[in-house]
Protein backbone atom coordinates (compact mmCIF):
# COMPACT_ATOMS: atom_id res chain seq x y z
CA UNK A 1 -5.18 -109.87 25.69
CA UNK A 2 -5.94 -106.14 25.49
CA UNK A 3 -3.49 -103.37 24.76
CA UNK A 4 -1.44 -102.20 27.74
CA UNK A 5 0.60 -99.03 28.13
CA UNK A 6 3.69 -99.36 30.28
CA UNK A 7 5.38 -96.09 31.26
CA UNK A 8 8.91 -96.22 32.66
CA UNK A 9 11.07 -93.43 34.05
CA UNK A 10 14.77 -93.47 33.29
CA UNK A 11 17.55 -91.17 32.18
CA UNK A 12 17.50 -91.28 28.36
CA UNK A 13 19.47 -88.10 27.76
CA UNK A 14 22.43 -90.20 26.59
CA UNK A 15 21.92 -91.22 22.95
CA UNK A 16 23.75 -94.52 23.46
CA UNK A 17 21.47 -95.57 26.35
CA UNK A 18 18.40 -94.42 24.47
CA UNK A 19 19.38 -96.52 21.45
CA UNK A 20 20.02 -99.57 23.65
CA UNK A 21 16.64 -99.25 25.36
CA UNK A 22 14.72 -98.73 22.13
CA UNK A 23 16.47 -101.65 20.46
CA UNK A 24 15.78 -103.93 23.44
CA UNK A 25 12.11 -102.94 23.79
CA UNK A 26 11.31 -103.17 20.08
CA UNK A 27 12.84 -106.66 19.95
CA UNK A 28 9.98 -107.95 22.13
CA UNK A 29 6.96 -109.51 20.48
CA UNK A 30 3.60 -107.72 20.55
CA UNK A 31 5.06 -104.21 20.97
CA UNK A 32 3.00 -101.87 18.80
CA UNK A 33 4.33 -98.42 19.65
CA UNK A 34 7.17 -96.88 21.66
CA UNK A 35 7.02 -93.24 22.76
CA UNK A 36 9.90 -91.34 24.38
CA UNK A 37 9.79 -88.04 26.22
CA UNK A 38 13.28 -86.76 26.92
CA UNK A 39 12.01 -83.72 28.82
CA UNK A 40 10.23 -85.90 31.40
CA UNK A 41 12.68 -88.77 31.08
CA UNK A 42 9.98 -91.34 30.33
CA UNK A 43 9.44 -94.07 27.81
CA UNK A 44 5.99 -95.45 27.02
CA UNK A 45 5.44 -98.86 25.47
CA UNK A 46 2.03 -99.72 24.00
CA UNK A 47 1.14 -103.25 22.97
CA UNK A 48 0.15 -106.69 24.16
CA UNK A 49 3.63 -107.44 25.51
CA UNK A 50 4.00 -108.47 29.16
CA UNK A 51 4.87 -105.42 31.30
CA UNK A 52 7.18 -107.55 33.46
CA UNK A 53 9.25 -108.47 30.39
CA UNK A 54 9.39 -104.82 29.31
CA UNK A 55 10.69 -103.69 32.71
CA UNK A 56 13.15 -106.59 32.91
CA UNK A 57 14.65 -106.04 29.45
CA UNK A 58 14.84 -102.25 29.98
CA UNK A 59 16.68 -102.64 33.29
CA UNK A 60 19.08 -105.10 31.67
CA UNK A 61 19.78 -102.66 28.81
CA UNK A 62 20.81 -99.76 31.06
CA UNK A 63 22.29 -101.68 34.01
CA UNK A 64 25.81 -101.47 32.59
CA UNK A 65 25.57 -97.66 32.69
CA UNK A 66 24.43 -97.74 36.34
CA UNK A 67 21.04 -96.20 35.58
CA UNK A 68 17.84 -97.00 37.45
CA UNK A 69 14.49 -97.76 35.81
CA UNK A 70 11.31 -96.89 37.71
CA UNK A 71 7.80 -97.98 36.80
CA UNK A 72 5.50 -94.96 36.50
CA UNK A 73 2.29 -96.66 35.39
CA UNK A 74 0.87 -99.78 33.83
CA UNK A 75 -2.62 -99.72 32.39
CA UNK A 76 -4.78 -99.30 29.31
CA UNK A 77 -3.60 -96.74 26.74
CA UNK A 78 -5.56 -93.51 26.45
CA UNK A 79 -8.31 -93.48 23.86
CA UNK A 80 -7.57 -91.42 20.75
CA UNK A 81 -9.24 -88.02 20.68
CA UNK A 82 -12.27 -87.97 18.48
CA UNK A 83 -12.81 -84.86 16.42
CA UNK A 84 -15.79 -82.87 17.50
CA UNK A 85 -18.29 -81.73 14.90
CA UNK A 86 -17.49 -78.15 15.96
CA UNK A 87 -13.96 -78.52 14.56
CA UNK A 88 -15.36 -79.12 11.09
CA UNK A 89 -15.13 -76.03 8.91
CA UNK A 90 -18.43 -74.86 7.42
CA UNK A 91 -18.91 -75.07 3.68
CA UNK A 92 -18.25 -71.80 1.87
CA UNK A 93 -21.32 -69.82 0.89
CA UNK A 94 -21.68 -69.55 -2.90
CA UNK A 95 -21.50 -66.05 -4.38
CA UNK A 96 -24.88 -64.73 -5.48
CA UNK A 97 -23.68 -61.40 -6.82
CA UNK A 98 -24.39 -60.38 -10.41
CA UNK A 99 -20.82 -59.44 -11.22
CA UNK A 100 -19.61 -60.51 -14.65
CA UNK A 101 -17.09 -63.35 -14.61
CA UNK A 102 -13.42 -62.59 -14.85
CA UNK A 103 -12.03 -62.63 -18.37
CA UNK A 104 -9.96 -65.68 -19.20
CA UNK A 105 -6.27 -65.22 -18.62
CA UNK A 106 -3.95 -65.74 -21.51
CA UNK A 107 -2.86 -63.87 -24.60
CA UNK A 108 -6.26 -62.34 -25.39
CA UNK A 109 -7.40 -59.07 -23.88
CA UNK A 110 -10.75 -57.36 -23.79
CA UNK A 111 -10.63 -53.72 -24.81
CA UNK A 112 -13.42 -51.55 -23.44
CA UNK A 113 -13.86 -48.18 -25.17
CA UNK A 114 -13.86 -45.14 -22.93
CA UNK A 115 -17.29 -44.10 -24.11
CA UNK A 116 -18.97 -47.12 -22.48
CA UNK A 117 -17.82 -46.06 -19.05
CA UNK A 118 -20.29 -43.83 -17.21
CA UNK A 119 -19.00 -40.37 -16.61
CA UNK A 120 -18.89 -39.08 -13.11
CA UNK A 121 -18.42 -35.71 -11.58
CA UNK A 122 -16.90 -34.89 -8.24
CA UNK A 123 -18.16 -31.77 -6.52
């Protein structure tokens, strides 16, 4: 059997009801992933579990609180987004300048006499 995503709409703003529903749904066999969206008031169950059993056990979990469970959709889960090759960062271009390398950091210092510096004049 293929993976099925069952989306249910119910009031999960109450932490006690949310815990009951999650505990009931995760106790079913073949449930791979459970997603909740409190803003929309939905719960999505992905797996090979029977959608009828998911709806039945969810309604039983919240029936004592007088809440109603509605089926939003039942179908295949969305395919994961594949990264496009455009998203890949290009490799950095190596430096081809003739600058001398930085001196090593530590306790040693390089002292450059003033005479080696070219003199300049500002007009």
